[in-house]
Amino acid sequence: FVGAPSNKKPKSRRASGSGSAVIAGPWATPEPAHTAVDQLELDGLLD
């Protein structure tokens, strides 16, 4: 539904040619380094 909260946050990108300016955009946030799927796979190997 419209206005529903989301777990994903917009990613910020540094503008070319600027020292510290940051441009916020609707780009997708990259997946975390370690996901729940990875944890399940790791647990299976450890078991």
All heavy atoms as atom14 arrays in JSON, in Angstrom:
{
  "sequence": "FVGAPSNKKPKSRRASGSGSAVIAGPWATPEPAHTAVDQLELDGLLD",
  "atom14_mask": [
    [1, 1, 1, 1, 1, 1, 1, 1, 1, 1, 1, 0, 0, 0],
    [1, 1, 1, 1, 1, 1, 1, 0, 0, 0, 0, 0, 0, 0],
    [1, 1, 1, 1, 0, 0, 0, 0, 0, 0, 0, 0, 0, 0],
    [1, 1, 1, 1, 1, 0, 0, 0, 0, 0, 0, 0, 0, 0],
    [1, 1, 1, 1, 1, 1, 1, 0, 0, 0, 0, 0, 0, 0],
    [1, 1, 1, 1, 1, 1, 0, 0, 0, 0, 0, 0, 0, 0],
    [1, 1, 1, 1, 1, 1, 1, 1, 0, 0, 0, 0, 0, 0],
    [1, 1, 1, 1, 1, 1, 1, 1, 1, 0, 0, 0, 0, 0],
    [1, 1, 1, 1, 1, 1, 1, 1, 1, 0, 0, 0, 0, 0],
    [1, 1, 1, 1, 1, 1, 1, 0, 0, 0, 0, 0, 0, 0],
    [1, 1, 1, 1, 1, 1, 1, 1, 1, 0, 0, 0, 0, 0],
    [1, 1, 1, 1, 1, 1, 0, 0, 0, 0, 0, 0, 0, 0],
    [1, 1, 1, 1, 1, 1, 1, 1, 1, 1, 1, 0, 0, 0],
    [1, 1, 1, 1, 1, 1, 1, 1, 1, 1, 1, 0, 0, 0],
    [1, 1, 1, 1, 1, 0, 0, 0, 0, 0, 0, 0, 0, 0],
    [1, 1, 1, 1, 1, 1, 0, 0, 0, 0, 0, 0, 0, 0],
    [1, 1, 1, 1, 0, 0, 0, 0, 0, 0, 0, 0, 0, 0],
    [1, 1, 1, 1, 1, 1, 0, 0, 0, 0, 0, 0, 0, 0],
    [1, 1, 1, 1, 0, 0, 0, 0, 0, 0, 0, 0, 0, 0],
    [1, 1, 1, 1, 1, 1, 0, 0, 0, 0, 0, 0, 0, 0],
    [1, 1, 1, 1, 1, 0, 0, 0, 0, 0, 0, 0, 0, 0],
    [1, 1, 1, 1, 1, 1, 1, 0, 0, 0, 0, 0, 0, 0],
    [1, 1, 1, 1, 1, 1, 1, 1, 0, 0, 0, 0, 0, 0],
    [1, 1, 1, 1, 1, 0, 0, 0, 0, 0, 0, 0, 0, 0],
    [1, 1, 1, 1, 0, 0, 0, 0, 0, 0, 0, 0, 0, 0],
    [1, 1, 1, 1, 1, 1, 1, 0, 0, 0, 0, 0, 0, 0],
    [1, 1, 1, 1, 1, 1, 1, 1, 1, 1, 1, 1, 1, 1],
    [1, 1, 1, 1, 1, 0, 0, 0, 0, 0, 0, 0, 0, 0],
    [1, 1, 1, 1, 1, 1, 1, 0, 0, 0, 0, 0, 0, 0],
    [1, 1, 1, 1, 1, 1, 1, 0, 0, 0, 0, 0, 0, 0],
    [1, 1, 1, 1, 1, 1, 1, 1, 1, 0, 0, 0, 0, 0],
    [1, 1, 1, 1, 1, 1, 1, 0, 0, 0, 0, 0, 0, 0],
    [1, 1, 1, 1, 1, 0, 0, 0, 0, 0, 0, 0, 0, 0],
    [1, 1, 1, 1, 1, 1, 1, 1, 1, 1, 0, 0, 0, 0],
    [1, 1, 1, 1, 1, 1, 1, 0, 0, 0, 0, 0, 0, 0],
    [1, 1, 1, 1, 1, 0, 0, 0, 0, 0, 0, 0, 0, 0],
    [1, 1, 1, 1, 1, 1, 1, 0, 0, 0, 0, 0, 0, 0],
    [1, 1, 1, 1, 1, 1, 1, 1, 0, 0, 0, 0, 0, 0],
    [1, 1, 1, 1, 1, 1, 1, 1, 1, 0, 0, 0, 0, 0],
    [1, 1, 1, 1, 1, 1, 1, 1, 0, 0, 0, 0, 0, 0],
    [1, 1, 1, 1, 1, 1, 1, 1, 1, 0, 0, 0, 0, 0],
    [1, 1, 1, 1, 1, 1, 1, 1, 0, 0, 0, 0, 0, 0],
    [1, 1, 1, 1, 1, 1, 1, 1, 0, 0, 0, 0, 0, 0],
    [1, 1, 1, 1, 0, 0, 0, 0, 0, 0, 0, 0, 0, 0],
    [1, 1, 1, 1, 1, 1, 1, 1, 0, 0, 0, 0, 0, 0],
    [1, 1, 1, 1, 1, 1, 1, 1, 0, 0, 0, 0, 0, 0],
    [1, 1, 1, 1, 1, 1, 1, 1, 0, 0, 0, 0, 0, 0]
  ],
  "atom14_positions": [
    [[0.82, -1.19, 0.0], [0.0, 0.0, 0.0], [0.86, 1.26, 0.0], [2.01, 1.27, 0.45], [-0.94, 0.0, 1.2], [-1.82, -1.21, 1.25], [-1.61, -2.21, 2.19], [-2.84, -1.39, 0.33], [-2.4, -3.34, 2.23], [-3.64, -2.51, 0.36], [-3.43, -3.49, 1.31], [0.0, 0.0, 0.0], [0.0, 0.0, 0.0], [0.0, 0.0, 0.0]],
    [[0.29, 2.33, -0.52], [1.01, 3.6, -0.63], [1.44, 4.06, 0.76], [0.67, 4.04, 1.71], [0.12, 4.68, -1.29], [0.85, 6.02, -1.32], [-0.27, 4.25, -2.69], [0.0, 0.0, 0.0], [0.0, 0.0, 0.0], [0.0, 0.0, 0.0], [0.0, 0.0, 0.0], [0.0, 0.0, 0.0], [0.0, 0.0, 0.0], [0.0, 0.0, 0.0]],
    [[2.69, 4.45, 0.87], [3.2, 4.94, 2.15], [3.63, 3.84, 3.09], [4.0, 4.12, 4.22], [0.0, 0.0, 0.0], [0.0, 0.0, 0.0], [0.0, 0.0, 0.0], [0.0, 0.0, 0.0], [0.0, 0.0, 0.0], [0.0, 0.0, 0.0], [0.0, 0.0, 0.0], [0.0, 0.0, 0.0], [0.0, 0.0, 0.0], [0.0, 0.0, 0.0]],
    [[3.56, 2.56, 2.64], [3.97, 1.47, 3.51], [5.46, 1.55, 3.78], [6.24, 1.85, 2.88], [3.63, 0.13, 2.87], [0.0, 0.0, 0.0], [0.0, 0.0, 0.0], [0.0, 0.0, 0.0], [0.0, 0.0, 0.0], [0.0, 0.0, 0.0], [0.0, 0.0, 0.0], [0.0, 0.0, 0.0], [0.0, 0.0, 0.0], [0.0, 0.0, 0.0]],
    [[5.9, 1.31, 5.01], [7.33, 1.38, 5.32], [8.09, 0.27, 4.63], [7.55, -0.77, 4.3], [7.37, 1.2, 6.85], [6.13, 0.46, 7.18], [5.1, 0.92, 6.18], [0.0, 0.0, 0.0], [0.0, 0.0, 0.0], [0.0, 0.0, 0.0], [0.0, 0.0, 0.0], [0.0, 0.0, 0.0], [0.0, 0.0, 0.0], [0.0, 0.0, 0.0]],
    [[9.36, 0.49, 4.4], [10.22, -0.5, 3.76], [11.5, -0.65, 4.54], [11.96, 0.28, 5.19], [10.54, -0.06, 2.32], [11.48, -0.92, 1.73], [0.0, 0.0, 0.0], [0.0, 0.0, 0.0], [0.0, 0.0, 0.0], [0.0, 0.0, 0.0], [0.0, 0.0, 0.0], [0.0, 0.0, 0.0], [0.0, 0.0, 0.0], [0.0, 0.0, 0.0]],
    [[12.09, -1.85, 4.48], [13.36, -2.08, 5.14], [14.52, -1.5, 4.37], [15.6, -1.33, 4.91], [13.6, -3.59, 5.3], [12.74, -4.16, 6.4], [12.41, -3.47, 7.35], [12.37, -5.42, 6.26], [0.0, 0.0, 0.0], [0.0, 0.0, 0.0], [0.0, 0.0, 0.0], [0.0, 0.0, 0.0], [0.0, 0.0, 0.0], [0.0, 0.0, 0.0]],
    [[14.31, -1.2, 3.09], [15.4, -0.72, 2.26], [15.52, 0.79, 2.36], [14.54, 1.51, 2.33], [15.19, -1.14, 0.8], [15.25, -2.65, 0.63], [15.26, -2.99, -0.83], [15.38, -4.5, -1.02], [16.65, -5.01, -0.53], [0.0, 0.0, 0.0], [0.0, 0.0, 0.0], [0.0, 0.0, 0.0], [0.0, 0.0, 0.0], [0.0, 0.0, 0.0]],
    [[16.76, 1.26, 2.47], [17.03, 2.69, 2.56], [17.7, 3.14, 1.27], [18.46, 2.39, 0.66], [17.96, 2.98, 3.74], [17.34, 2.6, 5.08], [18.31, 2.87, 6.2], [17.71, 2.47, 7.55], [18.63, 2.7, 8.66], [0.0, 0.0, 0.0], [0.0, 0.0, 0.0], [0.0, 0.0, 0.0], [0.0, 0.0, 0.0], [0.0, 0.0, 0.0]],
    [[17.43, 4.39, 0.83], [18.06, 4.87, -0.4], [19.56, 4.97, -0.25], [20.08, 5.32, 0.81], [17.42, 6.26, -0.6], [16.97, 6.66, 0.76], [16.56, 5.41, 1.44], [0.0, 0.0, 0.0], [0.0, 0.0, 0.0], [0.0, 0.0, 0.0], [0.0, 0.0, 0.0], [0.0, 0.0, 0.0], [0.0, 0.0, 0.0], [0.0, 0.0, 0.0]],
    [[20.25, 4.65, -1.31], [21.7, 4.69, -1.32], [22.18, 6.08, -1.73], [21.58, 6.74, -2.56], [22.24, 3.64, -2.31], [23.75, 3.63, -2.43], [24.15, 2.61, -3.47], [25.65, 2.63, -3.68], [26.06, 1.68, -4.72], [0.0, 0.0, 0.0], [0.0, 0.0, 0.0], [0.0, 0.0, 0.0], [0.0, 0.0, 0.0], [0.0, 0.0, 0.0]],
    [[23.27, 6.52, -1.14], [23.85, 7.82, -1.48], [25.03, 7.61, -2.41], [25.82, 6.67, -2.24], [24.31, 8.56, -0.21], [23.21, 8.83, 0.62], [0.0, 0.0, 0.0], [0.0, 0.0, 0.0], [0.0, 0.0, 0.0], [0.0, 0.0, 0.0], [0.0, 0.0, 0.0], [0.0, 0.0, 0.0], [0.0, 0.0, 0.0], [0.0, 0.0, 0.0]],
    [[25.18, 8.5, -3.38], [26.3, 8.44, -4.31], [27.03, 9.78, -4.31], [26.41, 10.84, -4.24], [25.82, 8.12, -5.72], [25.31, 6.69, -5.88], [24.95, 6.42, -7.31], [24.55, 5.03, -7.49], [24.13, 4.53, -8.65], [24.04, 5.3, -9.71], [23.8, 3.26, -8.75], [0.0, 0.0, 0.0], [0.0, 0.0, 0.0], [0.0, 0.0, 0.0]],
    [[28.36, 9.71, -4.41], [29.16, 10.93, -4.44], [29.13, 11.53, -5.83], [29.32, 10.83, -6.83], [30.6, 10.59, -4.04], [31.47, 11.84, -3.86], [32.86, 11.43, -3.43], [32.82, 10.67, -2.2], [32.77, 11.22, -0.99], [32.71, 12.53, -0.87], [32.74, 10.45, 0.08], [0.0, 0.0, 0.0], [0.0, 0.0, 0.0], [0.0, 0.0, 0.0]],
    [[28.85, 12.8, -5.91], [28.82, 13.47, -7.21], [30.22, 13.58, -7.78], [31.19, 13.83, -7.06], [28.21, 14.87, -7.06], [0.0, 0.0, 0.0], [0.0, 0.0, 0.0], [0.0, 0.0, 0.0], [0.0, 0.0, 0.0], [0.0, 0.0, 0.0], [0.0, 0.0, 0.0], [0.0, 0.0, 0.0], [0.0, 0.0, 0.0], [0.0, 0.0, 0.0]],
    [[30.33, 13.38, -9.08], [31.64, 13.47, -9.72], [32.13, 14.9, -9.69], [31.39, 15.85, -9.92], [31.54, 12.98, -11.17], [30.6, 13.77, -11.88], [0.0, 0.0, 0.0], [0.0, 0.0, 0.0], [0.0, 0.0, 0.0], [0.0, 0.0, 0.0], [0.0, 0.0, 0.0], [0.0, 0.0, 0.0], [0.0, 0.0, 0.0], [0.0, 0.0, 0.0]],
    [[33.43, 15.04, -9.36], [34.04, 16.37, -9.36], [33.83, 17.13, -8.08], [34.29, 18.26, -7.97], [0.0, 0.0, 0.0], [0.0, 0.0, 0.0], [0.0, 0.0, 0.0], [0.0, 0.0, 0.0], [0.0, 0.0, 0.0], [0.0, 0.0, 0.0], [0.0, 0.0, 0.0], [0.0, 0.0, 0.0], [0.0, 0.0, 0.0], [0.0, 0.0, 0.0]],
    [[33.15, 16.63, -7.11], [32.94, 17.35, -5.86], [33.69, 16.64, -4.77], [33.76, 15.42, -4.71], [31.45, 17.41, -5.51], [30.92, 16.14, -5.37], [0.0, 0.0, 0.0], [0.0, 0.0, 0.0], [0.0, 0.0, 0.0], [0.0, 0.0, 0.0], [0.0, 0.0, 0.0], [0.0, 0.0, 0.0], [0.0, 0.0, 0.0], [0.0, 0.0, 0.0]],
    [[34.21, 17.38, -3.83], [35.01, 16.8, -2.77], [34.21, 15.97, -1.81], [34.59, 14.87, -1.46], [0.0, 0.0, 0.0], [0.0, 0.0, 0.0], [0.0, 0.0, 0.0], [0.0, 0.0, 0.0], [0.0, 0.0, 0.0], [0.0, 0.0, 0.0], [0.0, 0.0, 0.0], [0.0, 0.0, 0.0], [0.0, 0.0, 0.0], [0.0, 0.0, 0.0]],
    [[33.06, 16.5, -1.35], [32.31, 15.76, -0.34], [30.82, 15.8, -0.57], [30.06, 15.35, 0.27], [32.6, 16.35, 1.05], [32.24, 17.73, 1.08], [0.0, 0.0, 0.0], [0.0, 0.0, 0.0], [0.0, 0.0, 0.0], [0.0, 0.0, 0.0], [0.0, 0.0, 0.0], [0.0, 0.0, 0.0], [0.0, 0.0, 0.0], [0.0, 0.0, 0.0]],
    [[30.38, 16.34, -1.7], [28.95, 16.42, -1.94], [28.38, 15.02, -2.14], [29.01, 14.16, -2.74], [28.67, 17.28, -3.19], [0.0, 0.0, 0.0], [0.0, 0.0, 0.0], [0.0, 0.0, 0.0], [0.0, 0.0, 0.0], [0.0, 0.0, 0.0], [0.0, 0.0, 0.0], [0.0, 0.0, 0.0], [0.0, 0.0, 0.0], [0.0, 0.0, 0.0]],
    [[27.2, 14.83, -1.64], [26.54, 13.54, -1.73], [25.17, 13.72, -2.36], [24.43, 14.63, -1.98], [26.4, 12.88, -0.34], [25.6, 11.59, -0.44], [27.77, 12.61, 0.25], [0.0, 0.0, 0.0], [0.0, 0.0, 0.0], [0.0, 0.0, 0.0], [0.0, 0.0, 0.0], [0.0, 0.0, 0.0], [0.0, 0.0, 0.0], [0.0, 0.0, 0.0]],
    [[24.84, 12.87, -3.31], [23.55, 12.92, -3.96], [22.75, 11.72, -3.51], [23.2, 10.58, -3.63], [23.69, 12.89, -5.49], [24.5, 14.11, -5.96], [22.33, 12.86, -6.16], [24.78, 14.09, -7.44], [0.0, 0.0, 0.0], [0.0, 0.0, 0.0], [0.0, 0.0, 0.0], [0.0, 0.0, 0.0], [0.0, 0.0, 0.0], [0.0, 0.0, 0.0]],
    [[21.57, 11.97, -2.96], [20.7, 10.87, -2.53], [19.82, 10.46, -3.69], [19.27, 11.31, -4.39], [19.83, 11.3, -1.35], [0.0, 0.0, 0.0], [0.0, 0.0, 0.0], [0.0, 0.0, 0.0], [0.0, 0.0, 0.0], [0.0, 0.0, 0.0], [0.0, 0.0, 0.0], [0.0, 0.0, 0.0], [0.0, 0.0, 0.0], [0.0, 0.0, 0.0]],
    [[19.69, 9.19, -3.91], [18.89, 8.72, -5.03], [18.12, 7.48, -4.66], [18.33, 6.9, -3.6], [0.0, 0.0, 0.0], [0.0, 0.0, 0.0], [0.0, 0.0, 0.0], [0.0, 0.0, 0.0], [0.0, 0.0, 0.0], [0.0, 0.0, 0.0], [0.0, 0.0, 0.0], [0.0, 0.0, 0.0], [0.0, 0.0, 0.0], [0.0, 0.0, 0.0]],
    [[17.25, 7.02, -5.52], [16.39, 5.87, -5.25], [17.05, 4.54, -5.58], [16.37, 3.56, -5.8], [15.2, 6.12, -6.17], [15.81, 6.82, -7.35], [16.92, 7.67, -6.8], [0.0, 0.0, 0.0], [0.0, 0.0, 0.0], [0.0, 0.0, 0.0], [0.0, 0.0, 0.0], [0.0, 0.0, 0.0], [0.0, 0.0, 0.0], [0.0, 0.0, 0.0]],
    [[18.42, 4.55, -5.65], [19.08, 3.31, -6.01], [18.93, 2.29, -4.91], [18.91, 2.62, -3.73], [20.56, 3.58, -6.28], [20.73, 4.64, -7.32], [20.62, 4.49, -8.67], [21.02, 6.03, -7.09], [20.82, 5.69, -9.3], [21.07, 6.64, -8.36], [21.25, 6.79, -5.95], [21.33, 7.99, -8.5], [21.51, 8.12, -6.09], [21.55, 8.72, -7.35]],
    [[18.89, 1.03, -5.29], [18.69, -0.05, -4.31], [19.9, -0.18, -3.41], [21.04, -0.03, -3.85], [18.43, -1.38, -5.02], [0.0, 0.0, 0.0], [0.0, 0.0, 0.0], [0.0, 0.0, 0.0], [0.0, 0.0, 0.0], [0.0, 0.0, 0.0], [0.0, 0.0, 0.0], [0.0, 0.0, 0.0], [0.0, 0.0, 0.0], [0.0, 0.0, 0.0]],
    [[19.67, -0.44, -2.15], [20.75, -0.67, -1.2], [21.37, -2.02, -1.48], [20.66, -3.0, -1.66], [20.2, -0.64, 0.24], [19.56, 0.61, 0.45], [21.31, -0.85, 1.25], [0.0, 0.0, 0.0], [0.0, 0.0, 0.0], [0.0, 0.0, 0.0], [0.0, 0.0, 0.0], [0.0, 0.0, 0.0], [0.0, 0.0, 0.0], [0.0, 0.0, 0.0]],
    [[22.72, -2.11, -1.51], [23.33, -3.41, -1.77], [23.02, -4.39, -0.66], [22.8, -4.0, 0.48], [24.84, -3.09, -1.8], [24.96, -1.8, -1.03], [23.7, -1.06, -1.29], [0.0, 0.0, 0.0], [0.0, 0.0, 0.0], [0.0, 0.0, 0.0], [0.0, 0.0, 0.0], [0.0, 0.0, 0.0], [0.0, 0.0, 0.0], [0.0, 0.0, 0.0]],
    [[23.0, -5.67, -1.01], [22.7, -6.7, -0.04], [23.78, -6.73, 1.03], [24.94, -6.47, 0.75], [22.61, -8.06, -0.73], [21.44, -8.19, -1.67], [20.12, -8.09, -0.93], [20.04, -8.58, 0.21], [19.17, -7.51, -1.48], [0.0, 0.0, 0.0], [0.0, 0.0, 0.0], [0.0, 0.0, 0.0], [0.0, 0.0, 0.0], [0.0, 0.0, 0.0]],
    [[23.43, -7.05, 2.27], [24.45, -7.14, 3.31], [25.43, -8.24, 3.0], [25.14, -9.2, 2.28], [23.63, -7.46, 4.57], [22.35, -8.04, 4.06], [22.09, -7.37, 2.76], [0.0, 0.0, 0.0], [0.0, 0.0, 0.0], [0.0, 0.0, 0.0], [0.0, 0.0, 0.0], [0.0, 0.0, 0.0], [0.0, 0.0, 0.0], [0.0, 0.0, 0.0]],
    [[26.65, -8.11, 3.58], [27.7, -9.08, 3.3], [27.3, -10.48, 3.74], [27.69, -11.46, 3.13], [28.99, -8.64, 3.98], [0.0, 0.0, 0.0], [0.0, 0.0, 0.0], [0.0, 0.0, 0.0], [0.0, 0.0, 0.0], [0.0, 0.0, 0.0], [0.0, 0.0, 0.0], [0.0, 0.0, 0.0], [0.0, 0.0, 0.0], [0.0, 0.0, 0.0]],
    [[26.54, -10.56, 4.81], [26.16, -11.88, 5.33], [24.65, -11.91, 5.5], [24.09, -11.13, 6.26], [26.85, -12.11, 6.67], [26.65, -13.5, 7.19], [27.34, -14.58, 6.7], [25.84, -13.99, 8.16], [26.97, -15.67, 7.36], [26.05, -15.33, 8.22], [0.0, 0.0, 0.0], [0.0, 0.0, 0.0], [0.0, 0.0, 0.0], [0.0, 0.0, 0.0]],
    [[23.97, -12.77, 4.76], [22.52, -12.82, 4.77], [22.01, -14.0, 5.57], [22.78, -14.88, 5.97], [21.98, -12.92, 3.33], [22.38, -14.19, 2.78], [22.52, -11.79, 2.46], [0.0, 0.0, 0.0], [0.0, 0.0, 0.0], [0.0, 0.0, 0.0], [0.0, 0.0, 0.0], [0.0, 0.0, 0.0], [0.0, 0.0, 0.0], [0.0, 0.0, 0.0]],
    [[20.68, -14.04, 5.77], [20.08, -15.15, 6.49], [20.27, -16.46, 5.73], [20.43, -17.52, 6.33], [18.59, -14.88, 6.7], [0.0, 0.0, 0.0], [0.0, 0.0, 0.0], [0.0, 0.0, 0.0], [0.0, 0.0, 0.0], [0.0, 0.0, 0.0], [0.0, 0.0, 0.0], [0.0, 0.0, 0.0], [0.0, 0.0, 0.0], [0.0, 0.0, 0.0]],
    [[20.28, -16.39, 4.4], [20.49, -17.59, 3.6], [21.9, -18.13, 3.84], [22.11, -19.34, 3.99], [20.28, -17.28, 2.1], [20.61, -18.5, 1.25], [18.86, -16.82, 1.86], [0.0, 0.0, 0.0], [0.0, 0.0, 0.0], [0.0, 0.0, 0.0], [0.0, 0.0, 0.0], [0.0, 0.0, 0.0], [0.0, 0.0, 0.0], [0.0, 0.0, 0.0]],
    [[22.9, -17.2, 3.89], [24.27, -17.62, 4.18], [24.35, -18.28, 5.54], [25.06, -19.27, 5.73], [25.21, -16.42, 4.13], [25.36, -15.85, 2.73], [25.21, -16.62, 1.77], [25.61, -14.65, 2.61], [0.0, 0.0, 0.0], [0.0, 0.0, 0.0], [0.0, 0.0, 0.0], [0.0, 0.0, 0.0], [0.0, 0.0, 0.0], [0.0, 0.0, 0.0]],
    [[23.63, -17.71, 6.52], [23.67, -18.27, 7.88], [23.11, -19.68, 7.9], [23.65, -20.57, 8.56], [22.87, -17.37, 8.84], [22.96, -17.81, 10.3], [24.35, -17.66, 10.87], [24.96, -16.61, 10.74], [24.86, -18.71, 11.49], [0.0, 0.0, 0.0], [0.0, 0.0, 0.0], [0.0, 0.0, 0.0], [0.0, 0.0, 0.0], [0.0, 0.0, 0.0]],
    [[21.99, -19.91, 7.17], [21.42, -21.25, 7.11], [22.38, -22.24, 6.46], [22.53, -23.38, 6.92], [20.1, -21.21, 6.34], [18.88, -20.65, 7.08], [17.72, -20.5, 6.1], [18.49, -21.54, 8.23], [0.0, 0.0, 0.0], [0.0, 0.0, 0.0], [0.0, 0.0, 0.0], [0.0, 0.0, 0.0], [0.0, 0.0, 0.0], [0.0, 0.0, 0.0]],
    [[23.04, -21.79, 5.39], [24.0, -22.67, 4.71], [25.18, -22.99, 5.61], [25.64, -24.13, 5.69], [24.47, -22.0, 3.42], [25.35, -22.9, 2.56], [25.74, -22.24, 1.25], [25.32, -21.09, 1.01], [26.47, -22.88, 0.47], [0.0, 0.0, 0.0], [0.0, 0.0, 0.0], [0.0, 0.0, 0.0], [0.0, 0.0, 0.0], [0.0, 0.0, 0.0]],
    [[25.68, -21.97, 6.33], [26.79, -22.18, 7.25], [26.4, -23.13, 8.37], [27.16, -24.04, 8.73], [27.24, -20.83, 7.83], [28.36, -20.88, 8.88], [29.62, -21.5, 8.29], [28.65, -19.49, 9.41], [0.0, 0.0, 0.0], [0.0, 0.0, 0.0], [0.0, 0.0, 0.0], [0.0, 0.0, 0.0], [0.0, 0.0, 0.0], [0.0, 0.0, 0.0]],
    [[25.18, -22.95, 8.91], [24.72, -23.84, 9.98], [24.63, -25.28, 9.5], [24.96, -26.22, 10.24], [23.35, -23.38, 10.5], [23.44, -22.09, 11.3], [24.56, -21.75, 11.72], [22.4, -21.44, 11.5], [0.0, 0.0, 0.0], [0.0, 0.0, 0.0], [0.0, 0.0, 0.0], [0.0, 0.0, 0.0], [0.0, 0.0, 0.0], [0.0, 0.0, 0.0]],
    [[24.19, -25.47, 8.25], [24.1, -26.82, 7.72], [25.46, -27.49, 7.61], [25.62, -28.67, 7.94], [0.0, 0.0, 0.0], [0.0, 0.0, 0.0], [0.0, 0.0, 0.0], [0.0, 0.0, 0.0], [0.0, 0.0, 0.0], [0.0, 0.0, 0.0], [0.0, 0.0, 0.0], [0.0, 0.0, 0.0], [0.0, 0.0, 0.0], [0.0, 0.0, 0.0]],
    [[26.48, -26.72, 7.16], [27.83, -27.27, 7.06], [28.39, -27.59, 8.44], [29.04, -28.63, 8.64], [28.73, -26.28, 6.33], [28.43, -26.06, 4.84], [29.27, -24.93, 4.29], [28.66, -27.34, 4.05], [0.0, 0.0, 0.0], [0.0, 0.0, 0.0], [0.0, 0.0, 0.0], [0.0, 0.0, 0.0], [0.0, 0.0, 0.0], [0.0, 0.0, 0.0]],
    [[28.15, -26.71, 9.4], [28.65, -26.94, 10.76], [27.98, -28.14, 11.41], [28.62, -28.91, 12.14], [28.42, -25.69, 11.62], [29.24, -24.46, 11.22], [28.87, -23.27, 12.07], [30.73, -24.75, 11.32], [0.0, 0.0, 0.0], [0.0, 0.0, 0.0], [0.0, 0.0, 0.0], [0.0, 0.0, 0.0], [0.0, 0.0, 0.0], [0.0, 0.0, 0.0]],
    [[26.69, -28.31, 11.13], [25.99, -29.49, 11.66], [26.58, -30.77, 11.08], [26.7, -31.79, 11.77], [24.5, -29.4, 11.35], [23.8, -28.33, 12.17], [24.32, -27.98, 13.23], [22.73, -27.86, 11.73], [0.0, 0.0, 0.0], [0.0, 0.0, 0.0], [0.0, 0.0, 0.0], [0.0, 0.0, 0.0], [0.0, 0.0, 0.0], [0.0, 0.0, 0.0]]
  ]
}
